[in-house]
Amino acid sequence: MDLPIPVQVENVTPTLNEKMFPIQNVWIVKLSIIIIIVAIILLFNKEYIDFIFLFIFALFNYLLVKLAVVRFHFSLDEHFITIKQGILSKTQRQLPYSVVQNVIVEQGFLDRLFGISTLNFENASEAGGLKMNKGRKRRRWQFQNIGIIGNQVNIPGLKKEQAELLKNKLLEKIQRNQGTELGL
């Protein structure tokens, strides 16, 4: 009689990503709401052209932010933080945990009103992590402080509890990977 061979299961933690910590819709519409409020004030002052311009601008802003959020992906695996972003020009960076510093959760005035916050951390490496561009290399305008901007990474629009949980998970991974140099 053959007995089944026991299989040793490793303690594998699931990869944390934007699906588990989604950017809230209120962050996507936050600036558009402010623009529309200003446009309505202009409408009451019979500034019809300005109202139409601001209303179109608010709609355009909403579409750009929504597209930026749809094209923004992050994941925290065992050794790297991977960030993919870009609307027209796509960028992917892998940051080893050994270069991550200053992990904080920020909440501005409007963020507190809407119950959202931003997880923010810095990349201490000179080169900004392993960068793989698809397309031409050039300086791009960053829209709405989402993703990598210079040596800073912003994950905005998280619920406050989610931002704190993600911060703690990131700090755990940094602690576990201390002293490992996996970067190039």
N, C-alpha and C. Protein backbone atom coordinates (compact mmCIF):
# COMPACT_ATOMS: atom_id res chain seq x y z
N MET A 1 0.85 -1.17 0.00
CA MET A 1 0.00 0.00 0.00
C MET A 1 0.90 1.23 0.00
N ASP A 2 0.69 2.09 -0.97
CA ASP A 2 1.48 3.31 -1.07
C ASP A 2 0.84 4.42 -0.26
N LEU A 3 1.62 4.99 0.61
CA LEU A 3 1.15 6.14 1.39
C LEU A 3 1.51 7.43 0.68
N PRO A 4 0.66 8.42 0.74
CA PRO A 4 0.99 9.69 0.08
C PRO A 4 2.20 10.34 0.74
N ILE A 5 3.03 10.93 -0.08
CA ILE A 5 4.22 11.61 0.41
C ILE A 5 3.80 13.00 0.89
N PRO A 6 4.13 13.34 2.15
CA PRO A 6 3.73 14.67 2.63
C PRO A 6 4.49 15.75 1.87
N VAL A 7 3.76 16.79 1.53
CA VAL A 7 4.33 17.91 0.80
C VAL A 7 4.52 19.05 1.78
N GLN A 8 5.72 19.59 1.78
CA GLN A 8 6.00 20.71 2.68
C GLN A 8 5.56 21.99 1.99
N VAL A 9 4.69 22.71 2.62
CA VAL A 9 4.18 23.96 2.07
C VAL A 9 4.95 25.12 2.68
N GLU A 10 5.54 25.95 1.81
CA GLU A 10 6.28 27.10 2.31
C GLU A 10 5.30 28.16 2.79
N ASN A 11 5.78 28.97 3.68
CA ASN A 11 4.98 30.08 4.19
C ASN A 11 5.07 31.23 3.18
N VAL A 12 4.21 31.20 2.19
CA VAL A 12 4.22 32.20 1.13
C VAL A 12 3.16 33.25 1.44
N THR A 13 3.59 34.49 1.54
CA THR A 13 2.64 35.57 1.78
C THR A 13 2.12 36.06 0.44
N PRO A 14 0.85 36.40 0.37
CA PRO A 14 0.30 36.87 -0.90
C PRO A 14 0.92 38.22 -1.28
N THR A 15 1.05 38.44 -2.58
CA THR A 15 1.56 39.71 -3.08
C THR A 15 0.51 40.78 -2.85
N LEU A 16 0.90 41.84 -2.19
CA LEU A 16 -0.01 42.96 -1.95
C LEU A 16 0.00 43.85 -3.17
N ASN A 17 -1.17 44.30 -3.61
CA ASN A 17 -1.24 45.14 -4.81
C ASN A 17 -2.42 46.09 -4.76
N GLU A 18 -2.61 46.83 -5.87
CA GLU A 18 -3.65 47.86 -5.92
C GLU A 18 -5.06 47.27 -5.89
N LYS A 19 -5.21 46.00 -6.19
CA LYS A 19 -6.53 45.38 -6.11
C LYS A 19 -6.94 45.18 -4.66
N MET A 20 -5.96 44.92 -3.80
CA MET A 20 -6.23 44.74 -2.37
C MET A 20 -6.35 46.08 -1.65
N PHE A 21 -5.70 47.10 -2.20
CA PHE A 21 -5.70 48.45 -1.62
C PHE A 21 -6.08 49.44 -2.71
N PRO A 22 -7.36 49.48 -3.10
CA PRO A 22 -7.76 50.31 -4.25
C PRO A 22 -7.80 51.81 -3.92
N ILE A 23 -7.51 52.60 -4.94
CA ILE A 23 -7.66 54.05 -4.83
C ILE A 23 -9.15 54.36 -4.87
N GLN A 24 -9.61 55.12 -3.89
CA GLN A 24 -11.03 55.41 -3.75
C GLN A 24 -11.50 56.41 -4.81
N ASN A 25 -12.74 56.22 -5.27
CA ASN A 25 -13.30 57.10 -6.30
C ASN A 25 -13.37 58.55 -5.84
N VAL A 26 -13.53 58.77 -4.56
CA VAL A 26 -13.62 60.14 -4.06
C VAL A 26 -12.33 60.90 -4.35
N TRP A 27 -11.17 60.22 -4.35
CA TRP A 27 -9.92 60.89 -4.68
C TRP A 27 -9.90 61.26 -6.16
N ILE A 28 -10.49 60.42 -6.99
CA ILE A 28 -10.52 60.66 -8.43
C ILE A 28 -11.34 61.91 -8.75
N VAL A 29 -12.43 62.12 -8.04
CA VAL A 29 -13.32 63.25 -8.35
C VAL A 29 -13.06 64.48 -7.49
N LYS A 30 -12.14 64.39 -6.53
CA LYS A 30 -11.92 65.47 -5.56
C LYS A 30 -11.67 66.83 -6.23
N LEU A 31 -10.69 66.91 -7.12
CA LEU A 31 -10.36 68.18 -7.77
C LEU A 31 -11.48 68.63 -8.70
N SER A 32 -12.11 67.68 -9.38
CA SER A 32 -13.21 68.03 -10.29
C SER A 32 -14.37 68.64 -9.52
N ILE A 33 -14.65 68.14 -8.31
CA ILE A 33 -15.72 68.70 -7.49
C ILE A 33 -15.42 70.16 -7.14
N ILE A 34 -14.19 70.44 -6.77
CA ILE A 34 -13.80 71.82 -6.43
C ILE A 34 -13.96 72.73 -7.64
N ILE A 35 -13.52 72.26 -8.81
CA ILE A 35 -13.64 73.06 -10.04
C ILE A 35 -15.11 73.32 -10.36
N ILE A 36 -15.96 72.32 -10.21
CA ILE A 36 -17.39 72.49 -10.50
C ILE A 36 -18.03 73.47 -9.52
N ILE A 37 -17.63 73.44 -8.26
CA ILE A 37 -18.16 74.41 -7.29
C ILE A 37 -17.80 75.84 -7.71
N VAL A 38 -16.55 76.04 -8.12
CA VAL A 38 -16.14 77.37 -8.61
C VAL A 38 -16.93 77.73 -9.86
N ALA A 39 -17.16 76.77 -10.75
CA ALA A 39 -17.92 77.02 -11.98
C ALA A 39 -19.36 77.43 -11.65
N ILE A 40 -19.96 76.78 -10.65
CA ILE A 40 -21.33 77.13 -10.27
C ILE A 40 -21.38 78.54 -9.70
N ILE A 41 -20.39 78.91 -8.92
CA ILE A 41 -20.32 80.29 -8.41
C ILE A 41 -20.25 81.28 -9.57
N LEU A 42 -19.45 80.95 -10.59
CA LEU A 42 -19.37 81.81 -11.77
C LEU A 42 -20.70 81.86 -12.51
N LEU A 43 -21.43 80.76 -12.54
CA LEU A 43 -22.73 80.73 -13.20
C LEU A 43 -23.70 81.69 -12.52
N PHE A 44 -23.68 81.74 -11.19
CA PHE A 44 -24.54 82.67 -10.46
C PHE A 44 -24.17 84.12 -10.72
N ASN A 45 -22.90 84.35 -11.09
CA ASN A 45 -22.45 85.70 -11.43
C ASN A 45 -22.59 85.98 -12.93
N LYS A 46 -23.31 85.12 -13.62
CA LYS A 46 -23.59 85.24 -15.05
C LYS A 46 -22.32 85.26 -15.90
N GLU A 47 -21.34 84.52 -15.48
CA GLU A 47 -20.10 84.33 -16.25
C GLU A 47 -20.23 83.01 -17.00
N TYR A 48 -21.05 83.01 -18.04
CA TYR A 48 -21.40 81.77 -18.72
C TYR A 48 -20.22 81.12 -19.44
N ILE A 49 -19.40 81.93 -20.10
CA ILE A 49 -18.25 81.39 -20.82
C ILE A 49 -17.28 80.73 -19.84
N ASP A 50 -17.00 81.42 -18.72
CA ASP A 50 -16.10 80.85 -17.70
C ASP A 50 -16.68 79.58 -17.11
N PHE A 51 -18.02 79.56 -16.90
CA PHE A 51 -18.67 78.37 -16.38
C PHE A 51 -18.47 77.19 -17.32
N ILE A 52 -18.72 77.40 -18.60
CA ILE A 52 -18.58 76.33 -19.59
C ILE A 52 -17.13 75.84 -19.65
N PHE A 53 -16.18 76.81 -19.66
CA PHE A 53 -14.77 76.44 -19.70
C PHE A 53 -14.39 75.60 -18.48
N LEU A 54 -14.78 76.05 -17.29
CA LEU A 54 -14.42 75.30 -16.07
C LEU A 54 -15.11 73.94 -16.01
N PHE A 55 -16.35 73.88 -16.49
CA PHE A 55 -17.06 72.61 -16.49
C PHE A 55 -16.37 71.60 -17.42
N ILE A 56 -15.95 72.06 -18.60
CA ILE A 56 -15.22 71.19 -19.53
C ILE A 56 -13.87 70.80 -18.94
N PHE A 57 -13.21 71.75 -18.28
CA PHE A 57 -11.93 71.46 -17.63
C PHE A 57 -12.10 70.42 -16.53
N ALA A 58 -13.17 70.52 -15.75
CA ALA A 58 -13.43 69.54 -14.68
C ALA A 58 -13.67 68.16 -15.26
N LEU A 59 -14.39 68.07 -16.36
CA LEU A 59 -14.64 66.79 -17.01
C LEU A 59 -13.33 66.20 -17.55
N PHE A 60 -12.52 67.05 -18.20
CA PHE A 60 -11.22 66.62 -18.73
C PHE A 60 -10.32 66.15 -17.59
N ASN A 61 -10.31 66.89 -16.47
CA ASN A 61 -9.51 66.52 -15.30
C ASN A 61 -9.95 65.16 -14.76
N TYR A 62 -11.25 64.94 -14.66
CA TYR A 62 -11.76 63.66 -14.17
C TYR A 62 -11.29 62.52 -15.06
N LEU A 63 -11.40 62.69 -16.38
CA LEU A 63 -11.01 61.63 -17.30
C LEU A 63 -9.51 61.32 -17.21
N LEU A 64 -8.68 62.35 -17.11
CA LEU A 64 -7.23 62.14 -16.99
C LEU A 64 -6.86 61.43 -15.69
N VAL A 65 -7.47 61.86 -14.59
CA VAL A 65 -7.17 61.23 -13.30
C VAL A 65 -7.65 59.78 -13.30
N LYS A 66 -8.83 59.55 -13.81
CA LYS A 66 -9.37 58.18 -13.88
C LYS A 66 -8.45 57.28 -14.71
N LEU A 67 -7.98 57.80 -15.85
CA LEU A 67 -7.08 57.04 -16.70
C LEU A 67 -5.74 56.78 -16.01
N ALA A 68 -5.23 57.78 -15.29
CA ALA A 68 -3.97 57.61 -14.55
C ALA A 68 -4.12 56.53 -13.48
N VAL A 69 -5.28 56.50 -12.81
CA VAL A 69 -5.53 55.48 -11.78
C VAL A 69 -5.65 54.09 -12.40
N VAL A 70 -6.33 53.99 -13.52
CA VAL A 70 -6.49 52.70 -14.19
C VAL A 70 -5.13 52.17 -14.66
N ARG A 71 -4.23 53.05 -15.07
CA ARG A 71 -2.92 52.64 -15.58
C ARG A 71 -1.85 52.57 -14.49
N PHE A 72 -2.22 52.75 -13.22
CA PHE A 72 -1.27 52.68 -12.11
C PHE A 72 -1.40 51.34 -11.40
N HIS A 73 -0.30 50.63 -11.30
CA HIS A 73 -0.29 49.33 -10.63
C HIS A 73 0.92 49.26 -9.70
N PHE A 74 0.74 48.68 -8.54
CA PHE A 74 1.86 48.45 -7.64
C PHE A 74 1.71 47.07 -7.02
N SER A 75 2.84 46.48 -6.67
CA SER A 75 2.80 45.21 -5.95
C SER A 75 4.00 45.14 -5.02
N LEU A 76 3.77 44.55 -3.87
CA LEU A 76 4.82 44.32 -2.88
C LEU A 76 5.04 42.82 -2.80
N ASP A 77 6.14 42.35 -3.42
CA ASP A 77 6.44 40.92 -3.32
C ASP A 77 7.50 40.72 -2.24
N GLU A 78 8.19 39.60 -2.26
CA GLU A 78 9.13 39.29 -1.18
C GLU A 78 10.34 40.22 -1.13
N HIS A 79 10.86 40.64 -2.29
CA HIS A 79 12.10 41.41 -2.30
C HIS A 79 12.00 42.79 -2.94
N PHE A 80 10.95 43.04 -3.72
CA PHE A 80 10.84 44.30 -4.45
C PHE A 80 9.44 44.90 -4.35
N ILE A 81 9.41 46.22 -4.52
CA ILE A 81 8.16 46.93 -4.78
C ILE A 81 8.19 47.19 -6.28
N THR A 82 7.17 46.75 -6.99
CA THR A 82 7.10 46.98 -8.43
C THR A 82 6.00 48.00 -8.68
N ILE A 83 6.34 49.02 -9.48
CA ILE A 83 5.37 50.06 -9.82
C ILE A 83 5.33 50.19 -11.33
N LYS A 84 4.12 50.09 -11.87
CA LYS A 84 3.89 50.28 -13.30
C LYS A 84 2.93 51.45 -13.43
N GLN A 85 3.27 52.36 -14.32
CA GLN A 85 2.41 53.53 -14.48
C GLN A 85 2.59 54.11 -15.87
N GLY A 86 1.70 55.01 -16.23
CA GLY A 86 1.83 55.74 -17.48
C GLY A 86 0.59 55.63 -18.34
N ILE A 87 0.22 56.76 -18.92
CA ILE A 87 -0.93 56.80 -19.82
C ILE A 87 -0.43 56.60 -21.26
N LEU A 88 0.43 57.48 -21.72
CA LEU A 88 0.98 57.35 -23.07
C LEU A 88 2.33 56.64 -23.06
N SER A 89 3.17 57.02 -22.14
CA SER A 89 4.49 56.42 -22.00
C SER A 89 4.48 55.57 -20.74
N LYS A 90 4.64 54.29 -20.91
CA LYS A 90 4.55 53.37 -19.76
C LYS A 90 5.93 53.17 -19.13
N THR A 91 5.95 53.13 -17.80
CA THR A 91 7.17 52.95 -17.04
C THR A 91 6.96 51.85 -16.01
N GLN A 92 8.01 51.06 -15.80
CA GLN A 92 7.97 50.05 -14.73
C GLN A 92 9.26 50.20 -13.94
N ARG A 93 9.12 50.23 -12.61
CA ARG A 93 10.28 50.28 -11.72
C ARG A 93 10.16 49.21 -10.66
N GLN A 94 11.30 48.63 -10.33
CA GLN A 94 11.37 47.69 -9.22
C GLN A 94 12.32 48.29 -8.19
N LEU A 95 11.80 48.52 -7.01
CA LEU A 95 12.59 49.10 -5.93
C LEU A 95 12.86 48.02 -4.88
N PRO A 96 14.14 47.72 -4.61
CA PRO A 96 14.42 46.79 -3.51
C PRO A 96 14.06 47.45 -2.18
N TYR A 97 13.60 46.67 -1.24
CA TYR A 97 13.20 47.23 0.06
C TYR A 97 14.35 47.92 0.77
N SER A 98 15.58 47.55 0.42
CA SER A 98 16.74 48.14 1.09
C SER A 98 16.92 49.62 0.77
N VAL A 99 16.26 50.14 -0.27
CA VAL A 99 16.41 51.56 -0.61
C VAL A 99 15.19 52.40 -0.22
N VAL A 100 14.19 51.77 0.39
CA VAL A 100 12.97 52.48 0.77
C VAL A 100 13.15 53.13 2.14
N GLN A 101 12.78 54.39 2.23
CA GLN A 101 12.89 55.10 3.52
C GLN A 101 11.75 56.11 3.64
N ASN A 102 11.59 56.65 4.84
CA ASN A 102 10.59 57.68 5.13
C ASN A 102 9.18 57.28 4.70
N VAL A 103 8.70 56.18 5.22
CA VAL A 103 7.36 55.70 4.91
C VAL A 103 6.37 56.42 5.82
N ILE A 104 5.48 57.21 5.22
CA ILE A 104 4.52 57.97 6.01
C ILE A 104 3.14 57.95 5.36
N VAL A 105 2.14 58.19 6.17
CA VAL A 105 0.77 58.35 5.68
C VAL A 105 0.41 59.81 5.86
N GLU A 106 -0.01 60.46 4.77
CA GLU A 106 -0.35 61.88 4.81
C GLU A 106 -1.84 62.07 4.58
N GLN A 107 -2.37 63.11 5.22
CA GLN A 107 -3.76 63.50 5.02
C GLN A 107 -3.84 65.01 4.99
N GLY A 108 -4.22 65.56 3.84
CA GLY A 108 -4.47 66.99 3.76
C GLY A 108 -5.85 67.30 4.29
N PHE A 109 -6.20 68.58 4.28
CA PHE A 109 -7.50 69.01 4.79
C PHE A 109 -8.66 68.32 4.06
N LEU A 110 -8.64 68.37 2.72
CA LEU A 110 -9.71 67.73 1.96
C LEU A 110 -9.71 66.22 2.12
N ASP A 111 -8.52 65.65 2.24
CA ASP A 111 -8.43 64.21 2.45
C ASP A 111 -9.11 63.81 3.76
N ARG A 112 -8.91 64.60 4.81
CA ARG A 112 -9.58 64.30 6.09
C ARG A 112 -11.10 64.41 5.95
N LEU A 113 -11.56 65.41 5.19
CA LEU A 113 -13.01 65.55 4.97
C LEU A 113 -13.59 64.34 4.25
N PHE A 114 -12.83 63.82 3.28
CA PHE A 114 -13.31 62.69 2.49
C PHE A 114 -12.92 61.33 3.08
N GLY A 115 -12.13 61.31 4.16
CA GLY A 115 -11.74 60.06 4.81
C GLY A 115 -10.71 59.25 4.03
N ILE A 116 -9.85 59.95 3.28
CA ILE A 116 -8.82 59.25 2.51
C ILE A 116 -7.45 59.78 2.91
N SER A 117 -6.41 59.09 2.46
CA SER A 117 -5.04 59.51 2.75
C SER A 117 -4.10 59.00 1.66
N THR A 118 -2.83 59.41 1.76
CA THR A 118 -1.82 59.03 0.78
C THR A 118 -0.68 58.32 1.49
N LEU A 119 -0.30 57.15 0.99
CA LEU A 119 0.91 56.48 1.46
C LEU A 119 2.06 57.03 0.63
N ASN A 120 3.08 57.51 1.31
CA ASN A 120 4.19 58.18 0.66
C ASN A 120 5.49 57.58 1.18
N PHE A 121 6.41 57.27 0.29
CA PHE A 121 7.74 56.84 0.71
C PHE A 121 8.77 57.28 -0.30
N GLU A 122 10.02 57.27 0.14
CA GLU A 122 11.10 57.74 -0.72
C GLU A 122 12.02 56.59 -1.08
N ASN A 123 12.66 56.76 -2.22
CA ASN A 123 13.63 55.81 -2.73
C ASN A 123 15.00 56.42 -2.52
N ALA A 124 15.84 55.79 -1.71
CA ALA A 124 17.13 56.36 -1.35
C ALA A 124 18.21 56.13 -2.41
N SER A 125 17.94 55.30 -3.40
CA SER A 125 18.97 55.03 -4.39
C SER A 125 19.15 56.21 -5.33
N GLU A 126 20.38 56.38 -5.80
CA GLU A 126 20.71 57.49 -6.67
C GLU A 126 20.02 57.36 -8.02
N ALA A 127 19.94 56.15 -8.54
CA ALA A 127 19.40 55.93 -9.87
C ALA A 127 17.88 55.86 -9.88
N GLY A 128 17.24 55.81 -8.74
CA GLY A 128 15.80 55.73 -8.68
C GLY A 128 15.24 54.34 -8.90
N GLY A 129 16.02 53.33 -8.65
CA GLY A 129 15.55 51.96 -8.81
C GLY A 129 15.78 51.46 -10.21
N LEU A 130 15.46 50.20 -10.44
CA LEU A 130 15.60 49.59 -11.75
C LEU A 130 14.47 50.10 -12.61
N LYS A 131 14.81 50.79 -13.68
CA LYS A 131 13.80 51.45 -14.50
C LYS A 131 13.78 50.85 -15.89
N MET A 132 12.60 50.46 -16.33
CA MET A 132 12.47 49.93 -17.68
C MET A 132 11.41 50.73 -18.39
N ASN A 133 11.83 51.56 -19.34
CA ASN A 133 10.89 52.37 -20.12
C ASN A 133 10.54 51.65 -21.40
N LYS A 134 9.30 51.72 -21.77
CA LYS A 134 8.87 51.26 -23.08
C LYS A 134 8.63 52.52 -23.88
N GLY A 135 9.41 52.73 -24.89
CA GLY A 135 9.27 53.96 -25.67
C GLY A 135 10.46 54.87 -25.45
N ARG A 136 10.32 56.10 -25.90
CA ARG A 136 11.42 57.06 -25.79
C ARG A 136 11.64 57.52 -24.36
N LYS A 137 12.91 57.81 -24.07
CA LYS A 137 13.26 58.31 -22.75
C LYS A 137 13.17 59.83 -22.77
N ARG A 138 12.35 60.40 -21.95
CA ARG A 138 12.25 61.85 -21.85
C ARG A 138 11.59 62.21 -20.53
N ARG A 139 11.68 63.46 -20.19
CA ARG A 139 11.08 63.94 -18.95
C ARG A 139 9.58 64.10 -19.16
N ARG A 140 8.79 63.53 -18.28
CA ARG A 140 7.34 63.56 -18.44
C ARG A 140 6.69 64.39 -17.34
N TRP A 141 5.59 64.98 -17.70
CA TRP A 141 4.79 65.72 -16.74
C TRP A 141 4.01 64.71 -15.91
N GLN A 142 4.10 64.82 -14.59
CA GLN A 142 3.42 63.88 -13.70
C GLN A 142 2.06 64.47 -13.33
N PHE A 143 1.02 63.68 -13.46
CA PHE A 143 -0.34 64.15 -13.23
C PHE A 143 -0.87 63.68 -11.89
N GLN A 144 -1.30 64.62 -11.09
CA GLN A 144 -2.04 64.35 -9.86
C GLN A 144 -1.28 63.56 -8.79
N ASN A 145 0.03 63.65 -8.75
CA ASN A 145 0.82 63.04 -7.67
C ASN A 145 0.46 61.58 -7.42
N ILE A 146 0.47 60.80 -8.46
CA ILE A 146 0.23 59.37 -8.32
C ILE A 146 1.43 58.63 -8.89
N GLY A 147 1.92 57.65 -8.14
CA GLY A 147 3.05 56.87 -8.62
C GLY A 147 4.39 57.49 -8.27
N ILE A 148 5.38 57.25 -9.13
CA ILE A 148 6.74 57.70 -8.87
C ILE A 148 6.94 59.11 -9.43
N ILE A 149 7.42 59.99 -8.57
CA ILE A 149 7.77 61.35 -8.97
C ILE A 149 9.16 61.60 -8.40
N GLY A 150 10.17 61.58 -9.26
CA GLY A 150 11.54 61.71 -8.79
C GLY A 150 11.91 60.50 -7.95
N ASN A 151 12.33 60.74 -6.72
CA ASN A 151 12.66 59.61 -5.84
C ASN A 151 11.54 59.35 -4.83
N GLN A 152 10.37 59.91 -5.08
CA GLN A 152 9.24 59.75 -4.17
C GLN A 152 8.15 58.91 -4.82
N VAL A 153 7.49 58.07 -4.03
CA VAL A 153 6.38 57.25 -4.50
C VAL A 153 5.13 57.64 -3.72
N ASN A 154 4.05 57.92 -4.43
CA ASN A 154 2.78 58.29 -3.82
C ASN A 154 1.71 57.29 -4.23
N ILE A 155 1.02 56.74 -3.24
CA ILE A 155 -0.15 55.91 -3.48
C ILE A 155 -1.31 56.64 -2.81
N PRO A 156 -2.03 57.48 -3.57
CA PRO A 156 -3.07 58.34 -2.99
C PRO A 156 -4.43 57.66 -2.93
N GLY A 157 -5.36 58.33 -2.27
CA GLY A 157 -6.75 57.93 -2.29
C GLY A 157 -7.08 56.65 -1.55
N LEU A 158 -6.23 56.25 -0.61
CA LEU A 158 -6.52 55.06 0.18
C LEU A 158 -7.36 55.43 1.39
N LYS A 159 -8.23 54.53 1.82
CA LYS A 159 -8.90 54.75 3.10
C LYS A 159 -7.82 54.81 4.16
N LYS A 160 -8.05 55.60 5.20
CA LYS A 160 -7.04 55.80 6.24
C LYS A 160 -6.56 54.47 6.83
N GLU A 161 -7.49 53.56 7.13
CA GLU A 161 -7.11 52.27 7.71
C GLU A 161 -6.27 51.45 6.74
N GLN A 162 -6.64 51.50 5.46
CA GLN A 162 -5.90 50.76 4.44
C GLN A 162 -4.49 51.32 4.28
N ALA A 163 -4.35 52.64 4.31
CA ALA A 163 -3.04 53.26 4.19
C ALA A 163 -2.15 52.86 5.36
N GLU A 164 -2.70 52.85 6.56
CA GLU A 164 -1.92 52.45 7.74
C GLU A 164 -1.53 50.97 7.66
N LEU A 165 -2.46 50.12 7.21
CA LEU A 165 -2.17 48.70 7.07
C LEU A 165 -1.08 48.47 6.02
N LEU A 166 -1.19 49.14 4.88
CA LEU A 166 -0.19 49.01 3.82
C LEU A 166 1.16 49.53 4.30
N LYS A 167 1.15 50.62 5.05
CA LYS A 167 2.40 51.15 5.62
C LYS A 167 3.05 50.11 6.53
N ASN A 168 2.28 49.50 7.41
CA ASN A 168 2.81 48.48 8.33
C ASN A 168 3.35 47.27 7.58
N LYS A 169 2.64 46.83 6.53
CA LYS A 169 3.12 45.70 5.73
C LYS A 169 4.43 46.06 5.03
N LEU A 170 4.52 47.28 4.51
CA LEU A 170 5.74 47.73 3.85
C LEU A 170 6.89 47.79 4.84
N LEU A 171 6.64 48.31 6.04
CA LEU A 171 7.69 48.37 7.06
C LEU A 171 8.15 46.97 7.47
N GLU A 172 7.22 46.01 7.54
CA GLU A 172 7.59 44.62 7.84
C GLU A 172 8.52 44.07 6.77
N LYS A 173 8.19 44.32 5.51
CA LYS A 173 9.01 43.82 4.41
C LYS A 173 10.38 44.49 4.40
N ILE A 174 10.43 45.77 4.74
CA ILE A 174 11.71 46.48 4.82
C ILE A 174 12.56 45.84 5.92
N GLN A 175 11.95 45.57 7.07
CA GLN A 175 12.66 44.97 8.20
C GLN A 175 13.20 43.58 7.83
N ARG A 176 12.36 42.79 7.16
CA ARG A 176 12.76 41.43 6.76
C ARG A 176 13.89 41.43 5.73
N ASN A 177 13.93 42.46 4.88
CA ASN A 177 14.92 42.52 3.82
C ASN A 177 16.11 43.40 4.16
N GLN A 178 16.22 43.80 5.39
CA GLN A 178 17.33 44.65 5.81
C GLN A 178 18.65 43.90 5.58
N GLY A 179 19.59 44.59 4.97
CA GLY A 179 20.90 43.99 4.75
C GLY A 179 20.99 43.18 3.48
N THR A 180 19.88 43.01 2.76
CA THR A 180 19.96 42.30 1.48
C THR A 180 20.08 43.31 0.36
N GLU A 181 21.02 43.13 -0.50
CA GLU A 181 21.24 44.03 -1.62
C GLU A 181 20.88 43.30 -2.91
N LEU A 182 19.63 43.46 -3.33
CA LEU A 182 19.19 42.80 -4.56
C LEU A 182 19.18 43.75 -5.74
N GLY A 183 19.43 45.01 -5.49
CA GLY A 183 19.43 45.98 -6.59
C GLY A 183 20.64 45.81 -7.47
N LEU A 184 20.62 46.45 -8.61
CA LEU A 184 21.74 46.32 -9.56
C LEU A 184 22.80 47.33 -9.26
